[in-house]
Structure formats: structure tokens, C-alpha cells
N, C-alpha and C. Protein backbone atom coordinates (compact mmCIF):
# COMPACT_ATOMS: atom_id res chain seq x y z
N UNK A 1 -23.65 -18.61 0.46
CA UNK A 1 -22.28 -18.17 0.47
C UNK A 1 -22.19 -16.63 0.29
N UNK A 2 -23.03 -16.09 -0.67
CA UNK A 2 -22.96 -14.65 -1.00
C UNK A 2 -23.45 -13.90 0.25
N UNK A 3 -24.43 -14.47 1.01
CA UNK A 3 -24.84 -13.73 2.20
C UNK A 3 -23.71 -13.67 3.25
N UNK A 4 -23.02 -14.73 3.38
CA UNK A 4 -21.91 -14.76 4.35
C UNK A 4 -20.85 -13.76 3.94
N UNK A 5 -20.48 -13.69 2.65
CA UNK A 5 -19.48 -12.78 2.23
C UNK A 5 -19.92 -11.43 2.43
N UNK A 6 -21.26 -11.08 2.14
CA UNK A 6 -21.77 -9.78 2.27
C UNK A 6 -21.78 -9.30 3.74
N UNK A 7 -22.13 -10.27 4.64
CA UNK A 7 -22.13 -10.01 6.13
C UNK A 7 -20.63 -9.80 6.53
N UNK A 8 -19.65 -10.62 6.01
CA UNK A 8 -18.34 -10.49 6.35
C UNK A 8 -17.75 -9.20 6.01
N UNK A 9 -18.23 -8.55 4.91
CA UNK A 9 -17.66 -7.23 4.51
C UNK A 9 -18.06 -6.14 5.49
N UNK A 10 -19.11 -6.46 6.38
CA UNK A 10 -19.48 -5.41 7.28
C UNK A 10 -18.81 -5.49 8.62
N UNK A 11 -18.07 -6.54 8.70
CA UNK A 11 -17.36 -6.73 10.04
C UNK A 11 -16.09 -6.04 10.02
N UNK A 12 -15.74 -5.23 11.05
CA UNK A 12 -14.55 -4.38 11.07
C UNK A 12 -13.30 -5.32 11.21
N UNK A 13 -12.17 -4.72 10.69
CA UNK A 13 -10.97 -5.40 10.76
C UNK A 13 -10.55 -5.76 12.22
N UNK A 14 -10.83 -4.91 13.14
CA UNK A 14 -10.41 -5.11 14.49
C UNK A 14 -11.26 -6.31 15.09
N UNK A 15 -12.48 -6.45 14.72
CA UNK A 15 -13.25 -7.59 15.20
C UNK A 15 -12.84 -8.84 14.66
N UNK A 16 -12.53 -8.90 13.34
CA UNK A 16 -11.97 -10.09 12.72
C UNK A 16 -10.62 -10.48 13.30
N UNK A 17 -9.82 -9.47 13.58
CA UNK A 17 -8.49 -9.65 14.10
C UNK A 17 -8.60 -10.32 15.48
N UNK A 18 -9.41 -9.82 16.33
CA UNK A 18 -9.52 -10.47 17.62
C UNK A 18 -10.13 -11.79 17.62
N UNK A 19 -11.02 -12.02 16.70
CA UNK A 19 -11.58 -13.36 16.52
C UNK A 19 -10.50 -14.29 16.04
N UNK A 20 -9.71 -13.82 15.12
CA UNK A 20 -8.56 -14.57 14.63
C UNK A 20 -7.66 -14.98 15.78
N UNK A 21 -7.34 -14.03 16.59
CA UNK A 21 -6.48 -14.24 17.76
C UNK A 21 -7.04 -15.37 18.64
N UNK A 22 -8.39 -15.52 18.70
CA UNK A 22 -8.96 -16.48 19.49
C UNK A 22 -9.08 -17.88 18.69
N UNK A 23 -8.52 -17.89 17.52
CA UNK A 23 -8.49 -19.16 16.76
C UNK A 23 -9.58 -19.33 15.84
N UNK A 24 -10.31 -18.33 15.45
CA UNK A 24 -11.48 -18.44 14.59
C UNK A 24 -10.97 -18.57 13.12
N UNK A 25 -11.10 -19.65 12.48
CA UNK A 25 -10.62 -19.82 11.09
C UNK A 25 -11.40 -19.03 10.14
N UNK A 26 -12.75 -18.79 10.31
CA UNK A 26 -13.55 -18.02 9.37
C UNK A 26 -13.12 -16.59 9.31
N UNK A 27 -12.81 -16.00 10.50
CA UNK A 27 -12.27 -14.60 10.54
C UNK A 27 -11.00 -14.52 9.91
N UNK A 28 -10.10 -15.51 9.98
CA UNK A 28 -8.79 -15.48 9.27
C UNK A 28 -9.07 -15.51 7.79
N UNK A 29 -10.01 -16.38 7.34
CA UNK A 29 -10.33 -16.47 5.93
C UNK A 29 -10.83 -15.11 5.32
N UNK A 30 -11.75 -14.53 6.24
CA UNK A 30 -12.23 -13.23 5.73
C UNK A 30 -11.24 -12.23 5.59
N UNK A 31 -10.26 -12.08 6.51
CA UNK A 31 -9.15 -11.11 6.42
C UNK A 31 -8.35 -11.43 5.21
N UNK A 32 -8.12 -12.68 4.98
CA UNK A 32 -7.30 -13.07 3.88
C UNK A 32 -7.95 -12.64 2.54
N UNK A 33 -9.21 -12.91 2.35
CA UNK A 33 -9.98 -12.53 1.20
C UNK A 33 -10.07 -11.05 1.05
N UNK A 34 -10.21 -10.30 2.18
CA UNK A 34 -10.26 -8.85 2.20
C UNK A 34 -9.03 -8.23 1.69
N UNK A 35 -7.87 -8.68 2.03
CA UNK A 35 -6.60 -7.98 1.76
C UNK A 35 -5.73 -8.70 0.80
N UNK A 36 -5.92 -9.92 0.46
CA UNK A 36 -4.95 -10.63 -0.40
C UNK A 36 -4.55 -9.89 -1.63
N UNK A 37 -5.60 -9.45 -2.35
CA UNK A 37 -5.46 -8.82 -3.68
C UNK A 37 -4.69 -7.51 -3.52
N UNK A 38 -5.07 -6.67 -2.43
CA UNK A 38 -4.33 -5.41 -2.30
C UNK A 38 -2.94 -5.62 -1.90
N UNK A 39 -2.68 -6.61 -1.13
CA UNK A 39 -1.25 -6.95 -0.63
C UNK A 39 -0.38 -7.36 -1.81
N UNK A 40 -0.99 -8.16 -2.71
CA UNK A 40 -0.23 -8.70 -3.86
C UNK A 40 0.04 -7.49 -4.77
N UNK A 41 -0.98 -6.65 -5.03
CA UNK A 41 -0.72 -5.51 -5.89
C UNK A 41 0.37 -4.52 -5.24
N UNK A 42 0.40 -4.36 -3.95
CA UNK A 42 1.37 -3.62 -3.29
C UNK A 42 2.79 -4.25 -3.42
N UNK A 43 2.73 -5.56 -3.20
CA UNK A 43 4.09 -6.32 -3.32
C UNK A 43 4.64 -6.21 -4.77
N UNK A 44 3.80 -6.13 -5.75
CA UNK A 44 4.32 -6.07 -7.13
C UNK A 44 4.98 -4.75 -7.44
N UNK A 45 4.70 -3.73 -6.57
CA UNK A 45 5.37 -2.45 -6.71
C UNK A 45 6.72 -2.53 -6.23
N UNK A 46 7.13 -3.53 -5.45
CA UNK A 46 8.39 -3.61 -4.81
C UNK A 46 9.25 -4.81 -5.42
N UNK A 47 8.53 -5.77 -6.07
CA UNK A 47 9.20 -6.94 -6.57
C UNK A 47 8.56 -7.35 -7.87
N UNK A 48 9.31 -7.46 -8.95
CA UNK A 48 8.69 -7.73 -10.23
C UNK A 48 8.02 -9.07 -10.43
N UNK A 49 8.41 -10.09 -9.67
CA UNK A 49 7.89 -11.43 -9.80
C UNK A 49 6.63 -11.54 -9.01
N UNK A 50 5.51 -11.74 -9.77
CA UNK A 50 4.23 -11.87 -9.11
C UNK A 50 4.13 -13.17 -8.31
N UNK A 51 4.76 -14.24 -8.80
CA UNK A 51 4.77 -15.54 -8.08
C UNK A 51 5.46 -15.38 -6.73
N UNK A 52 6.58 -14.65 -6.72
CA UNK A 52 7.34 -14.51 -5.42
C UNK A 52 6.55 -13.62 -4.50
N UNK A 53 5.90 -12.64 -5.01
CA UNK A 53 5.04 -11.73 -4.26
C UNK A 53 3.92 -12.53 -3.57
N UNK A 54 3.28 -13.41 -4.35
CA UNK A 54 2.21 -14.15 -3.82
C UNK A 54 2.65 -15.15 -2.69
N UNK A 55 3.87 -15.64 -2.94
CA UNK A 55 4.44 -16.50 -1.87
C UNK A 55 4.69 -15.65 -0.56
N UNK A 56 5.16 -14.49 -0.80
CA UNK A 56 5.48 -13.67 0.43
C UNK A 56 4.25 -13.33 1.18
N UNK A 57 3.19 -12.96 0.39
CA UNK A 57 1.88 -12.57 1.07
C UNK A 57 1.34 -13.83 1.80
N UNK A 58 1.38 -15.00 1.09
CA UNK A 58 0.87 -16.15 1.78
C UNK A 58 1.71 -16.52 3.00
N UNK A 59 3.03 -16.31 2.91
CA UNK A 59 3.85 -16.62 4.07
C UNK A 59 3.46 -15.72 5.27
N UNK A 60 3.08 -14.43 4.96
CA UNK A 60 2.68 -13.51 6.04
C UNK A 60 1.47 -14.05 6.75
N UNK A 61 0.54 -14.50 5.93
CA UNK A 61 -0.72 -14.98 6.55
C UNK A 61 -0.55 -16.31 7.34
N UNK A 62 0.36 -17.14 6.76
CA UNK A 62 0.72 -18.47 7.51
C UNK A 62 1.28 -18.10 8.83
N UNK A 63 2.18 -17.12 8.99
CA UNK A 63 2.70 -16.72 10.25
C UNK A 63 1.70 -16.10 11.14
N UNK A 64 0.79 -15.34 10.62
CA UNK A 64 -0.24 -14.80 11.39
C UNK A 64 -1.12 -15.81 12.04
N UNK A 65 -1.42 -16.78 11.24
CA UNK A 65 -2.24 -17.90 11.80
C UNK A 65 -1.46 -18.75 12.83
N UNK A 66 -0.21 -19.03 12.48
CA UNK A 66 0.63 -19.87 13.30
C UNK A 66 0.91 -19.17 14.72
N UNK A 67 1.05 -17.84 14.68
CA UNK A 67 1.40 -17.15 15.93
C UNK A 67 0.19 -16.25 16.36
N UNK A 68 -1.05 -16.70 16.00
CA UNK A 68 -2.18 -15.83 16.25
C UNK A 68 -2.38 -15.45 17.71
N UNK A 69 -2.04 -16.42 18.58
CA UNK A 69 -2.26 -16.01 20.05
C UNK A 69 -1.38 -14.98 20.55
N UNK A 70 -0.27 -14.80 19.89
CA UNK A 70 0.72 -13.85 20.35
C UNK A 70 0.63 -12.47 19.61
N UNK A 71 -0.34 -12.34 18.73
CA UNK A 71 -0.50 -11.06 18.05
C UNK A 71 -0.99 -10.01 18.89
N UNK A 72 -0.49 -8.81 18.55
CA UNK A 72 -0.96 -7.54 19.31
C UNK A 72 -2.37 -7.23 18.92
N UNK A 73 -3.22 -7.03 19.89
CA UNK A 73 -4.60 -6.70 19.62
C UNK A 73 -4.76 -5.21 19.19
N UNK A 74 -3.85 -4.32 19.64
CA UNK A 74 -4.01 -2.95 19.47
C UNK A 74 -3.23 -2.47 18.25
N UNK A 75 -3.64 -2.94 17.04
CA UNK A 75 -2.98 -2.54 15.81
C UNK A 75 -4.05 -2.11 14.83
N UNK A 76 -3.57 -1.41 13.77
CA UNK A 76 -4.39 -1.12 12.63
C UNK A 76 -4.03 -2.21 11.65
N UNK A 77 -5.05 -3.11 11.44
CA UNK A 77 -4.81 -4.38 10.65
C UNK A 77 -4.22 -4.08 9.29
N UNK A 78 -4.78 -3.08 8.52
CA UNK A 78 -4.33 -2.94 7.24
C UNK A 78 -2.85 -2.45 7.14
N UNK A 79 -2.55 -1.53 7.93
CA UNK A 79 -1.19 -0.97 8.01
C UNK A 79 -0.18 -2.13 8.45
N UNK A 80 -0.63 -2.94 9.39
CA UNK A 80 0.27 -4.03 9.88
C UNK A 80 0.51 -5.02 8.79
N UNK A 81 -0.53 -5.41 7.97
CA UNK A 81 -0.41 -6.33 6.92
C UNK A 81 0.54 -5.80 5.83
N UNK A 82 0.42 -4.46 5.50
CA UNK A 82 1.24 -3.97 4.46
C UNK A 82 2.69 -3.91 4.94
N UNK A 83 2.85 -3.59 6.17
CA UNK A 83 4.20 -3.54 6.80
C UNK A 83 4.86 -4.89 6.79
N UNK A 84 4.05 -5.93 7.12
CA UNK A 84 4.63 -7.33 7.10
C UNK A 84 5.09 -7.80 5.73
N UNK A 85 4.18 -7.47 4.75
CA UNK A 85 4.58 -7.81 3.37
C UNK A 85 5.80 -7.09 2.88
N UNK A 86 5.81 -5.81 3.24
CA UNK A 86 7.05 -5.08 2.78
C UNK A 86 8.32 -5.66 3.46
N UNK A 87 8.23 -6.00 4.62
CA UNK A 87 9.43 -6.57 5.37
C UNK A 87 9.75 -7.97 4.84
N UNK A 88 8.69 -8.71 4.48
CA UNK A 88 8.93 -10.12 4.00
C UNK A 88 9.63 -10.00 2.72
N UNK A 89 9.26 -9.09 1.79
CA UNK A 89 9.83 -8.96 0.51
C UNK A 89 11.26 -8.49 0.71
N UNK A 90 11.51 -7.59 1.55
CA UNK A 90 12.80 -7.15 1.87
C UNK A 90 13.79 -8.21 2.30
N UNK A 91 13.29 -9.09 3.12
CA UNK A 91 14.16 -10.23 3.58
C UNK A 91 14.44 -11.16 2.42
N UNK A 92 13.42 -11.37 1.58
CA UNK A 92 13.57 -12.22 0.42
C UNK A 92 14.71 -11.70 -0.48
N UNK A 93 14.62 -10.41 -0.71
CA UNK A 93 15.61 -9.79 -1.63
C UNK A 93 17.04 -9.79 -1.04
N UNK A 94 17.10 -9.57 0.24
CA UNK A 94 18.43 -9.62 0.93
C UNK A 94 18.97 -11.03 0.82
N UNK A 95 18.13 -12.00 1.16
CA UNK A 95 18.54 -13.42 1.28
C UNK A 95 19.02 -13.90 -0.10
N UNK A 96 18.36 -13.46 -1.15
CA UNK A 96 18.67 -14.07 -2.47
C UNK A 96 19.52 -13.15 -3.24
N UNK A 97 20.05 -12.08 -2.65
CA UNK A 97 21.07 -11.18 -3.31
C UNK A 97 20.52 -10.77 -4.69
N UNK A 98 19.28 -10.44 -4.76
CA UNK A 98 18.72 -9.98 -6.05
C UNK A 98 19.40 -8.69 -6.52
N UNK A 99 19.59 -7.84 -5.57
CA UNK A 99 20.28 -6.63 -5.89
C UNK A 99 21.46 -6.52 -5.08
N UNK A 100 22.63 -6.72 -5.66
CA UNK A 100 23.91 -6.86 -4.91
C UNK A 100 24.32 -5.64 -4.08
N UNK A 101 23.80 -4.49 -4.55
CA UNK A 101 24.21 -3.25 -3.85
C UNK A 101 23.08 -2.78 -2.89
N UNK A 102 22.01 -3.52 -2.85
CA UNK A 102 20.86 -3.10 -1.98
C UNK A 102 20.99 -3.79 -0.56
N UNK A 103 21.02 -3.03 0.43
CA UNK A 103 21.17 -3.61 1.80
C UNK A 103 19.91 -3.52 2.62
N UNK A 104 19.03 -2.63 2.21
CA UNK A 104 17.84 -2.53 3.13
C UNK A 104 16.65 -2.09 2.30
N UNK A 105 15.46 -2.20 2.91
CA UNK A 105 14.21 -1.90 2.21
C UNK A 105 14.10 -0.44 1.74
N UNK A 106 14.80 0.46 2.34
CA UNK A 106 14.70 1.90 1.96
C UNK A 106 15.24 2.08 0.49
N UNK A 107 15.92 1.05 0.00
CA UNK A 107 16.50 1.23 -1.33
C UNK A 107 15.62 0.63 -2.43
N UNK A 108 14.46 0.26 -2.07
CA UNK A 108 13.49 -0.34 -3.00
C UNK A 108 13.27 0.58 -4.19
N UNK A 109 13.24 0.03 -5.43
CA UNK A 109 12.65 0.75 -6.56
C UNK A 109 11.16 0.55 -6.51
N UNK A 110 10.44 1.78 -6.55
CA UNK A 110 8.95 1.64 -6.47
C UNK A 110 8.36 1.52 -7.84
N UNK A 111 7.80 0.40 -8.15
CA UNK A 111 7.40 0.12 -9.58
C UNK A 111 5.86 0.20 -9.76
N UNK A 112 5.34 1.49 -9.55
CA UNK A 112 3.89 1.66 -9.77
C UNK A 112 3.75 2.91 -10.55
N UNK A 113 2.92 2.83 -11.68
CA UNK A 113 2.65 3.96 -12.46
C UNK A 113 1.28 4.59 -12.10
N UNK A 114 1.35 5.83 -11.74
CA UNK A 114 0.16 6.57 -11.32
C UNK A 114 -0.46 7.01 -12.62
N UNK A 115 -1.84 7.04 -12.65
CA UNK A 115 -2.55 7.59 -13.84
C UNK A 115 -3.99 7.89 -13.43
N UNK A 116 -4.52 8.95 -13.98
CA UNK A 116 -5.92 9.23 -13.80
C UNK A 116 -6.66 8.80 -14.95
N UNK A 117 -7.88 8.06 -14.66
CA UNK A 117 -8.64 7.58 -15.75
C UNK A 117 -9.23 8.71 -16.55
N UNK A 118 -9.32 8.39 -17.85
CA UNK A 118 -9.85 9.46 -18.71
C UNK A 118 -11.27 10.01 -18.33
N UNK A 119 -12.03 9.17 -17.77
CA UNK A 119 -13.39 9.60 -17.48
C UNK A 119 -13.39 10.66 -16.32
N UNK A 120 -12.30 10.77 -15.68
CA UNK A 120 -12.30 11.86 -14.62
C UNK A 120 -11.92 13.15 -15.13
N UNK A 121 -11.57 13.21 -16.41
CA UNK A 121 -11.19 14.53 -16.99
C UNK A 121 -12.41 15.09 -17.76
N UNK A 122 -13.04 16.13 -17.07
CA UNK A 122 -14.29 16.66 -17.70
C UNK A 122 -13.95 17.49 -18.89
N UNK A 123 -12.80 18.23 -18.94
CA UNK A 123 -12.43 19.05 -19.95
C UNK A 123 -11.34 18.39 -20.79
N UNK A 124 -11.61 18.09 -22.02
CA UNK A 124 -10.64 17.36 -22.92
C UNK A 124 -9.28 18.16 -22.99
N UNK A 125 -9.35 19.51 -22.93
CA UNK A 125 -8.14 20.30 -22.97
C UNK A 125 -7.29 20.09 -21.77
N UNK A 126 -7.73 19.44 -20.75
CA UNK A 126 -6.95 19.15 -19.57
C UNK A 126 -6.19 17.81 -19.71
N UNK A 127 -6.48 17.01 -20.69
CA UNK A 127 -5.97 15.67 -20.90
C UNK A 127 -4.48 15.75 -20.94
N UNK A 128 -3.89 16.62 -21.71
CA UNK A 128 -2.40 16.73 -21.85
C UNK A 128 -1.76 17.03 -20.48
N UNK A 129 -2.42 17.97 -19.85
CA UNK A 129 -1.90 18.40 -18.60
C UNK A 129 -1.85 17.33 -17.56
N UNK A 130 -2.97 16.62 -17.56
CA UNK A 130 -3.09 15.44 -16.58
C UNK A 130 -1.98 14.39 -16.90
N UNK A 131 -1.84 14.16 -18.16
CA UNK A 131 -0.88 13.15 -18.55
C UNK A 131 0.55 13.55 -18.13
N UNK A 132 0.82 14.90 -18.24
CA UNK A 132 2.10 15.41 -17.81
C UNK A 132 2.26 15.36 -16.37
N UNK A 133 1.12 15.61 -15.51
CA UNK A 133 1.20 15.53 -14.10
C UNK A 133 1.40 14.10 -13.68
N UNK A 134 0.72 13.10 -14.37
CA UNK A 134 1.02 11.72 -13.99
C UNK A 134 2.52 11.35 -14.24
N UNK A 135 3.09 11.92 -15.35
CA UNK A 135 4.51 11.63 -15.65
C UNK A 135 5.43 12.33 -14.52
N UNK A 136 4.94 13.43 -13.96
CA UNK A 136 5.79 14.11 -12.96
C UNK A 136 5.76 13.24 -11.74
N UNK A 137 4.50 12.70 -11.38
CA UNK A 137 4.49 11.91 -10.15
C UNK A 137 5.30 10.65 -10.34
N UNK A 138 5.34 10.05 -11.49
CA UNK A 138 6.03 8.87 -11.66
C UNK A 138 7.55 9.15 -11.71
N UNK A 139 7.98 10.40 -11.88
CA UNK A 139 9.39 10.82 -11.79
C UNK A 139 9.82 11.23 -10.37
N UNK A 140 8.94 11.16 -9.41
CA UNK A 140 9.31 11.56 -8.12
C UNK A 140 10.27 10.43 -7.57
N UNK A 141 11.06 10.74 -6.54
CA UNK A 141 11.80 9.69 -5.88
C UNK A 141 11.07 8.52 -5.33
N UNK A 142 11.58 7.34 -5.41
CA UNK A 142 10.82 6.14 -5.18
C UNK A 142 10.09 6.20 -3.74
N UNK A 143 10.82 6.72 -2.78
CA UNK A 143 10.22 6.86 -1.48
C UNK A 143 9.00 7.75 -1.43
N UNK A 144 9.13 8.86 -2.11
CA UNK A 144 7.92 9.74 -2.17
C UNK A 144 6.81 9.09 -2.95
N UNK A 145 7.04 8.35 -4.02
CA UNK A 145 6.05 7.67 -4.80
C UNK A 145 5.37 6.69 -3.89
N UNK A 146 6.17 5.91 -3.11
CA UNK A 146 5.55 4.93 -2.26
C UNK A 146 4.63 5.48 -1.22
N UNK A 147 5.16 6.59 -0.67
CA UNK A 147 4.29 7.23 0.37
C UNK A 147 2.98 7.77 -0.18
N UNK A 148 2.96 8.35 -1.39
CA UNK A 148 1.81 8.78 -2.07
C UNK A 148 0.85 7.58 -2.30
N UNK A 149 1.43 6.48 -2.79
CA UNK A 149 0.69 5.30 -3.07
C UNK A 149 -0.01 4.87 -1.84
N UNK A 150 0.63 4.72 -0.69
CA UNK A 150 0.10 4.19 0.49
C UNK A 150 -0.98 5.21 1.05
N UNK A 151 -0.65 6.45 0.92
CA UNK A 151 -1.58 7.52 1.51
C UNK A 151 -2.84 7.71 0.62
N UNK A 152 -2.71 7.78 -0.64
CA UNK A 152 -3.87 8.09 -1.49
C UNK A 152 -4.46 6.94 -2.24
N UNK A 153 -3.60 5.95 -2.66
CA UNK A 153 -4.14 4.83 -3.35
C UNK A 153 -4.71 3.78 -2.45
N UNK A 154 -4.11 3.63 -1.28
CA UNK A 154 -4.53 2.56 -0.27
C UNK A 154 -5.25 3.26 0.89
N UNK A 155 -5.33 4.58 0.96
CA UNK A 155 -6.14 5.26 1.91
C UNK A 155 -5.68 5.13 3.32
N UNK A 156 -4.33 4.96 3.58
CA UNK A 156 -3.76 4.91 4.91
C UNK A 156 -3.52 6.29 5.47
N UNK A 157 -3.70 6.42 6.71
CA UNK A 157 -3.40 7.73 7.38
C UNK A 157 -1.86 8.00 7.40
N UNK A 158 -1.53 9.18 7.80
CA UNK A 158 -0.01 9.49 7.80
C UNK A 158 0.66 8.63 8.76
N UNK A 159 -0.04 8.37 9.94
CA UNK A 159 0.54 7.54 10.98
C UNK A 159 0.67 6.09 10.43
N UNK A 160 -0.27 5.59 9.63
CA UNK A 160 -0.18 4.26 9.14
C UNK A 160 0.90 4.17 8.01
N UNK A 161 1.02 5.21 7.16
CA UNK A 161 2.14 5.14 6.27
C UNK A 161 3.47 5.06 6.94
N UNK A 162 3.57 5.88 8.06
CA UNK A 162 4.85 5.86 8.81
C UNK A 162 5.12 4.41 9.27
N UNK A 163 4.03 3.75 9.78
CA UNK A 163 4.33 2.37 10.26
C UNK A 163 4.75 1.47 9.14
N UNK A 164 4.14 1.53 7.99
CA UNK A 164 4.54 0.69 6.86
C UNK A 164 5.95 0.99 6.45
N UNK A 165 6.32 2.31 6.36
CA UNK A 165 7.61 2.61 5.93
C UNK A 165 8.69 2.54 6.97
N UNK A 166 8.27 2.31 8.19
CA UNK A 166 9.17 2.24 9.37
C UNK A 166 9.81 3.56 9.56
N UNK A 167 9.00 4.71 9.55
CA UNK A 167 9.59 5.98 9.73
C UNK A 167 8.80 6.62 10.82
N UNK A 168 9.27 7.70 11.42
CA UNK A 168 8.48 8.37 12.47
C UNK A 168 7.45 9.25 11.74
N UNK A 169 6.53 9.71 12.56
CA UNK A 169 5.36 10.45 12.04
C UNK A 169 5.90 11.73 11.25
N UNK A 170 6.67 12.53 11.86
CA UNK A 170 7.07 13.83 11.29
C UNK A 170 7.89 13.64 10.02
N UNK A 171 8.77 12.65 9.99
CA UNK A 171 9.51 12.36 8.78
C UNK A 171 8.58 11.96 7.62
N UNK A 172 7.59 11.16 7.97
CA UNK A 172 6.60 10.75 6.88
C UNK A 172 5.82 11.86 6.40
N UNK A 173 5.38 12.72 7.39
CA UNK A 173 4.63 13.96 6.93
C UNK A 173 5.41 14.88 6.08
N UNK A 174 6.66 14.96 6.40
CA UNK A 174 7.56 15.86 5.60
C UNK A 174 7.82 15.26 4.24
N UNK A 175 7.90 13.92 4.16
CA UNK A 175 8.05 13.22 2.87
C UNK A 175 6.90 13.47 1.99
N UNK A 176 5.74 13.30 2.55
CA UNK A 176 4.45 13.56 1.70
C UNK A 176 4.41 15.02 1.32
N UNK A 177 4.77 15.91 2.19
CA UNK A 177 4.64 17.29 1.97
C UNK A 177 5.63 17.74 0.82
N UNK A 178 6.83 17.15 0.86
CA UNK A 178 7.81 17.41 -0.26
C UNK A 178 7.26 16.94 -1.60
N UNK A 179 6.65 15.74 -1.60
CA UNK A 179 6.15 15.23 -2.89
C UNK A 179 5.00 16.10 -3.40
N UNK A 180 3.98 16.48 -2.54
CA UNK A 180 2.92 17.33 -3.06
C UNK A 180 3.38 18.73 -3.36
N UNK A 181 4.24 19.26 -2.60
CA UNK A 181 4.79 20.59 -2.84
C UNK A 181 5.49 20.62 -4.20
N UNK A 182 6.20 19.59 -4.51
CA UNK A 182 6.92 19.51 -5.75
C UNK A 182 5.92 19.47 -6.94
N UNK A 183 4.79 18.75 -6.79
CA UNK A 183 3.84 18.72 -7.80
C UNK A 183 3.08 20.04 -7.91
N UNK A 184 2.81 20.68 -6.82
CA UNK A 184 2.07 21.91 -6.85
C UNK A 184 2.79 23.09 -7.38
N UNK A 185 4.10 22.93 -7.34
CA UNK A 185 4.96 23.98 -7.88
C UNK A 185 4.81 24.17 -9.38
N UNK A 186 4.40 23.08 -10.05
CA UNK A 186 4.26 23.02 -11.50
C UNK A 186 2.86 23.02 -12.05
N UNK A 187 1.82 22.80 -11.07
CA UNK A 187 0.48 22.56 -11.49
C UNK A 187 -0.40 23.32 -10.55
N UNK A 188 -1.67 23.67 -11.07
CA UNK A 188 -2.66 24.30 -10.26
C UNK A 188 -3.06 23.34 -9.13
N UNK A 189 -3.32 23.87 -7.93
CA UNK A 189 -3.69 22.97 -6.81
C UNK A 189 -4.91 22.15 -7.17
N UNK A 190 -5.78 22.70 -8.00
CA UNK A 190 -7.03 21.95 -8.32
C UNK A 190 -6.64 20.67 -9.09
N UNK A 191 -5.66 20.77 -9.97
CA UNK A 191 -5.29 19.64 -10.73
C UNK A 191 -4.71 18.55 -9.88
N UNK A 192 -3.78 18.95 -8.97
CA UNK A 192 -3.19 17.96 -8.05
C UNK A 192 -4.22 17.36 -7.21
N UNK A 193 -5.25 18.15 -6.76
CA UNK A 193 -6.30 17.65 -5.89
C UNK A 193 -7.15 16.64 -6.63
N UNK A 194 -7.34 16.73 -7.98
CA UNK A 194 -8.09 15.78 -8.82
C UNK A 194 -7.38 14.49 -8.78
N UNK A 195 -6.09 14.49 -8.86
CA UNK A 195 -5.31 13.26 -8.89
C UNK A 195 -5.33 12.53 -7.52
N UNK A 196 -5.16 13.38 -6.46
CA UNK A 196 -5.02 12.82 -5.11
C UNK A 196 -6.39 12.56 -4.44
N UNK A 197 -7.45 13.19 -5.00
CA UNK A 197 -8.67 13.00 -4.39
C UNK A 197 -9.48 11.71 -4.89
N UNK A 198 -8.83 11.02 -5.91
CA UNK A 198 -9.44 9.93 -6.48
C UNK A 198 -8.53 8.72 -6.47
N UNK A 199 -8.09 8.28 -5.27
CA UNK A 199 -7.09 7.25 -5.10
C UNK A 199 -7.43 5.96 -5.77
N UNK A 200 -8.71 5.55 -5.74
CA UNK A 200 -9.02 4.32 -6.34
C UNK A 200 -8.97 4.21 -7.81
N UNK A 201 -8.78 5.47 -8.41
CA UNK A 201 -8.65 5.44 -9.89
C UNK A 201 -7.23 5.49 -10.48
N UNK A 202 -6.24 5.38 -9.54
CA UNK A 202 -4.90 5.28 -9.96
C UNK A 202 -4.70 3.89 -10.64
């Protein structure tokens, strides 16, 4: 089993996606295992109920399997999955009137706290500055925080972030630029680079 999983990790998303489209259950399972955890973590930034988020993620995969033959082959799988989960959660929130004044996904409160692990801070004197930088990031507008999360925590390209957020490329690029510029106005570029260059440590 471990050998199968190890081999599966070396297969590209596009190959698994096309095999899934052809009805291959093992490829479907591999994609599910590869992205389920990340999708749930992302969903929890948009919806406080983990159980509901898990249901939404599972519903996305159910639909993918159900309509596998009709899926577009020319997609970036990771971005597509994140976009599907985001839209699924948006529909759930709208249907259940969780937020009476929220009409669309653009009004999401983004519930993710950025922080750099202490081990990344070589100089102890920088600890307080990094802590303040984290605070500043978490005080950014929700849309900017989500864009940073997708770009640097999940490693999506600007084009892929645009797909997930349902924005055009230039608007997404401007959104990220405003967020980073706002941080750089108060901190040395090197300090901001430390935070954004280590996405897996957020």
C-alpha cells in the first residue's frame, strides 16, 4: 500500500485528472487524498463549521465523479478544486441565510491567521517585529488576505488565484500588489520576503 501511495504522489494532477475522466476510480481516490486536507483547511477560512466544510468538499468530489465524463481536460486541477469548494460554500451560505446581509462570495470574512514559525527567526531581536508583521497581515482586508493565502500559502500562480477568486488577471495582480505594498511601507523588504517566501510555515 505504501508503495502505491508513494508512486501515486509522483503522478501529475493532469494525468490523474484525465484518468479520472476516463472513469478510473484509483485516480479519483488519489486526487481526493492529495487535496482533501488542503481543501478542508481552505474551506475553514471561509466557514467556521468544520463539519459543513467537510460536507462541501465531499460534495465537490461527488459531483466530479458523477460528471467526470463532462469535465474539462484543460484545467489546472488544484485551482479548479479550490474554486469549486469556494463556490460550494458560497451557495451553502446563501441558501441557509447564515449572513442575512451577505449576498455573494466576495463578502466572505477570511478567517485565517498568518504567522511565521519561531524557528524561522534567526535573530531573536526580530521576534517582536515579525509578530507585528503577522498582526498587520491579519489586519488586511479579507480579500487581500485570501489572495495572499492562495498565492503564498497554497502556492497558486496569479492566474490561478484569479480563477479561484473569480477575478480577472490584472485585478488579482493589483490586489496582491496593494497587499504587499501596504506591508512593505511599514517593514523592510527582507522581513516581508521572509514571511512570503516560506508559505508552508504559515
